[in-house]
C-alpha cells in the first residue's frame, strides 16, 4: 500500500494505491476513498489526454478503462505511484508526501 498526498489550490487530495487499485479521497467524499469510477472527470482534460475520444458519447468509461489498464500493466505499486505522481503534476497537483506500507511519511 502506498499513500500520496497532493495539494491542488486550497484542496488536499490523497491517493492510495493498493495492489492494482487506485483510490482517491478529498474532504468532499466525507473521509471515504473513492475509485476513479466515482469521481467527476473533466471532459476537456480527458480529450486533451486522449484526442480520439472527442466525439464519443462514452468517453468517461473509455478513460477509466484506459487508466485501469495502464495501471494493471505496471509491475509494482512503486511504479504505479510514480506514474500517478507524474501524471497529476501535469495538471497542477503538487505532491507533498508519500507513505509506503505504513512506514513514516516522506516529504516529496
C-alpha atoms as a PDB file:
ATOM      1  CA  UNK A   1       0.000   0.000   0.000  1.00  0.00           C
ATOM      2  CA  UNK A   2       1.288   3.438  -0.985  1.00  0.00           C
ATOM      3  CA  UNK A   3      -0.341   6.709   0.005  1.00  0.00           C
ATOM      4  CA  UNK A   4       0.393  10.017  -1.707  1.00  0.00           C
ATOM      5  CA  UNK A   5      -0.862  13.412  -0.571  1.00  0.00           C
ATOM      6  CA  UNK A   6      -1.240  16.203  -3.137  1.00  0.00           C
ATOM      7  CA  UNK A   7      -2.105  19.879  -2.876  1.00  0.00           C
ATOM      8  CA  UNK A   8      -4.349  21.369  -5.586  1.00  0.00           C
ATOM      9  CA  UNK A   9      -5.173  25.028  -4.975  1.00  0.00           C
ATOM     10  CA  UNK A  10      -6.637  25.043  -1.441  1.00  0.00           C
ATOM     11  CA  UNK A  11      -7.659  21.389  -1.553  1.00  0.00           C
ATOM     12  CA  UNK A  12      -5.744  18.388  -0.231  1.00  0.00           C
ATOM     13  CA  UNK A  13      -6.126  15.116  -2.136  1.00  0.00           C
ATOM     14  CA  UNK A  14      -4.946  11.701  -1.014  1.00  0.00           C
ATOM     15  CA  UNK A  15      -4.283   8.914  -3.494  1.00  0.00           C
ATOM     16  CA  UNK A  16      -3.904   5.378  -2.194  1.00  0.00           C
ATOM     17  CA  UNK A  17      -2.528   2.570  -4.330  1.00  0.00           C
ATOM     18  CA  UNK A  18      -3.340  -0.921  -3.108  1.00  0.00           C
ATOM     19  CA  UNK A  19      -2.089  -3.566  -5.498  1.00  0.00           C
ATOM     20  CA  UNK A  20      -3.520  -2.659  -8.915  1.00  0.00           C
ATOM     21  CA  UNK A  21      -6.270  -0.477  -7.438  1.00  0.00           C
ATOM     22  CA  UNK A  22      -6.014   3.321  -7.228  1.00  0.00           C
ATOM     23  CA  UNK A  23      -8.311   5.184  -4.807  1.00  0.00           C
ATOM     24  CA  UNK A  24      -8.831   8.919  -4.260  1.00  0.00           C
ATOM     25  CA  UNK A  25     -10.000  10.960  -1.260  1.00  0.00           C
ATOM     26  CA  UNK A  26     -10.734  14.606  -0.543  1.00  0.00           C
ATOM     27  CA  UNK A  27     -12.778  16.298   2.113  1.00  0.00           C
ATOM     28  CA  UNK A  28     -15.754  16.281  -0.275  1.00  0.00           C
ATOM     29  CA  UNK A  29     -16.001  12.463  -0.019  1.00  0.00           C
ATOM     30  CA  UNK A  30     -16.610  12.692   3.706  1.00  0.00           C
ATOM     31  CA  UNK A  31     -13.386  10.898   4.547  1.00  0.00           C
ATOM     32  CA  UNK A  32     -14.047   7.861   2.344  1.00  0.00           C
ATOM     33  CA  UNK A  33     -11.883   6.695  -0.554  1.00  0.00           C
ATOM     34  CA  UNK A  34     -13.467   6.517  -3.987  1.00  0.00           C
ATOM     35  CA  UNK A  35     -12.363   4.776  -7.149  1.00  0.00           C
ATOM     36  CA  UNK A  36     -11.963   6.614 -10.437  1.00  0.00           C
ATOM     37  CA  UNK A  37     -15.445   5.490 -11.484  1.00  0.00           C
ATOM     38  CA  UNK A  38     -16.947   7.628  -8.706  1.00  0.00           C
ATOM     39  CA  UNK A  39     -15.018  10.815  -9.491  1.00  0.00           C
ATOM     40  CA  UNK A  40     -16.155  13.748 -11.563  1.00  0.00           C
ATOM     41  CA  UNK A  41     -13.852  13.798 -14.593  1.00  0.00           C
ATOM     42  CA  UNK A  42     -13.190  16.781 -16.835  1.00  0.00           C
ATOM     43  CA  UNK A  43     -14.199  16.168 -20.443  1.00  0.00           C
ATOM     44  CA  UNK A  44     -11.672  18.795 -21.592  1.00  0.00           C
ATOM     45  CA  UNK A  45      -8.855  17.099 -19.650  1.00  0.00           C
ATOM     46  CA  UNK A  46      -9.857  13.683 -20.976  1.00  0.00           C
ATOM     47  CA  UNK A  47      -9.865  14.926 -24.572  1.00  0.00           C
ATOM     48  CA  UNK A  48      -6.503  16.611 -24.021  1.00  0.00           C
ATOM     49  CA  UNK A  49      -5.072  13.264 -22.880  1.00  0.00           C
ATOM     50  CA  UNK A  50      -6.976  11.131 -25.426  1.00  0.00           C
ATOM     51  CA  UNK A  51      -7.907  13.215 -28.515  1.00  0.00           C
ATOM     52  CA  UNK A  52      -9.573  10.208 -30.172  1.00  0.00           C
ATOM     53  CA  UNK A  53     -12.391  10.364 -27.582  1.00  0.00           C
ATOM     54  CA  UNK A  54     -13.559  13.820 -28.683  1.00  0.00           C
ATOM     55  CA  UNK A  55     -16.728  12.649 -30.442  1.00  0.00           C
ATOM     56  CA  UNK A  56     -17.502   9.586 -28.328  1.00  0.00           C
ATOM     57  CA  UNK A  57     -20.521   9.508 -26.045  1.00  0.00           C
ATOM     58  CA  UNK A  58     -18.930   7.004 -23.640  1.00  0.00           C
ATOM     59  CA  UNK A  59     -15.693   8.981 -23.193  1.00  0.00           C
ATOM     60  CA  UNK A  60     -15.712   8.654 -19.391  1.00  0.00           C
ATOM     61  CA  UNK A  61     -15.948   4.851 -19.430  1.00  0.00           C
ATOM     62  CA  UNK A  62     -13.165   4.677 -22.017  1.00  0.00           C
ATOM     63  CA  UNK A  63     -10.884   6.970 -19.963  1.00  0.00           C
ATOM     64  CA  UNK A  64     -11.442   4.841 -16.853  1.00  0.00           C
ATOM     65  CA  UNK A  65     -10.788   1.640 -18.800  1.00  0.00           C
ATOM     66  CA  UNK A  66      -7.542   3.010 -20.269  1.00  0.00           C
ATOM     67  CA  UNK A  67      -6.325   4.290 -16.881  1.00  0.00           C
ATOM     68  CA  UNK A  68      -7.045   0.968 -15.168  1.00  0.00           C
ATOM     69  CA  UNK A  69      -5.349  -0.963 -17.988  1.00  0.00           C
ATOM     70  CA  UNK A  70      -2.289   1.292 -17.767  1.00  0.00           C
ATOM     71  CA  UNK A  71      -2.029   0.642 -14.014  1.00  0.00           C
ATOM     72  CA  UNK A  72      -2.604  -3.099 -14.434  1.00  0.00           C
ATOM     73  CA  UNK A  73       0.241  -3.281 -16.975  1.00  0.00           C
ATOM     74  CA  UNK A  74       2.709  -1.904 -14.426  1.00  0.00           C
ATOM     75  CA  UNK A  75       4.520  -4.461 -12.283  1.00  0.00           C
ATOM     76  CA  UNK A  76       4.836  -2.791  -8.876  1.00  0.00           C
ATOM     77  CA  UNK A  77       2.956  -0.380  -6.626  1.00  0.00           C
ATOM     78  CA  UNK A  78       6.021   1.888  -6.684  1.00  0.00           C
ATOM     79  CA  UNK A  79       5.862   2.089 -10.480  1.00  0.00           C
ATOM     80  CA  UNK A  80       2.126   2.897 -10.286  1.00  0.00           C
ATOM     81  CA  UNK A  81       2.752   5.600  -7.677  1.00  0.00           C
ATOM     82  CA  UNK A  82       5.447   7.236  -9.819  1.00  0.00           C
ATOM     83  CA  UNK A  83       3.069   7.231 -12.802  1.00  0.00           C
ATOM     84  CA  UNK A  84       0.243   8.835 -10.777  1.00  0.00           C
ATOM     85  CA  UNK A  85       2.604  11.491  -9.386  1.00  0.00           C
ATOM     86  CA  UNK A  86       3.958  12.426 -12.808  1.00  0.00           C
ATOM     87  CA  UNK A  87       0.505  12.363 -14.401  1.00  0.00           C
ATOM     88  CA  UNK A  88      -1.141  14.587 -11.779  1.00  0.00           C
ATOM     89  CA  UNK A  89       1.786  17.028 -11.777  1.00  0.00           C
ATOM     90  CA  UNK A  90       0.906  17.850 -15.395  1.00  0.00           C
ATOM     91  CA  UNK A  91      -2.460  19.166 -14.206  1.00  0.00           C
ATOM     92  CA  UNK A  92      -1.164  21.339 -11.371  1.00  0.00           C
ATOM     93  CA  UNK A  93      -1.300  18.874  -8.471  1.00  0.00           C
ATOM     94  CA  UNK A  94       1.695  19.302  -6.173  1.00  0.00           C
ATOM     95  CA  UNK A  95       2.876  16.091  -4.468  1.00  0.00           C
ATOM     96  CA  UNK A  96       3.603  16.746  -0.795  1.00  0.00           C
ATOM     97  CA  UNK A  97       4.048  13.421   0.996  1.00  0.00           C
ATOM     98  CA  UNK A  98       4.454   9.719   0.261  1.00  0.00           C
ATOM     99  CA  UNK A  99       3.916   6.819   2.655  1.00  0.00           C
ATOM    100  CA  UNK A 100       4.805   3.210   1.811  1.00  0.00           C
ATOM    101  CA  UNK A 101       3.431   0.175   3.624  1.00  0.00           C
ATOM    102  CA  UNK A 102       2.569   2.096   6.797  1.00  0.00           C
ATOM    103  CA  UNK A 103       6.090   3.408   7.396  1.00  0.00           C
ATOM    104  CA  UNK A 104       6.873   7.038   8.166  1.00  0.00           C
ATOM    105  CA  UNK A 105       5.699   9.678   5.764  1.00  0.00           C
ATOM    106  CA  UNK A 106       8.375  11.061   3.441  1.00  0.00           C
ATOM    107  CA  UNK A 107       8.215  14.640   2.205  1.00  0.00           C
ATOM    108  CA  UNK A 108       8.455  14.908  -1.575  1.00  0.00           C
END
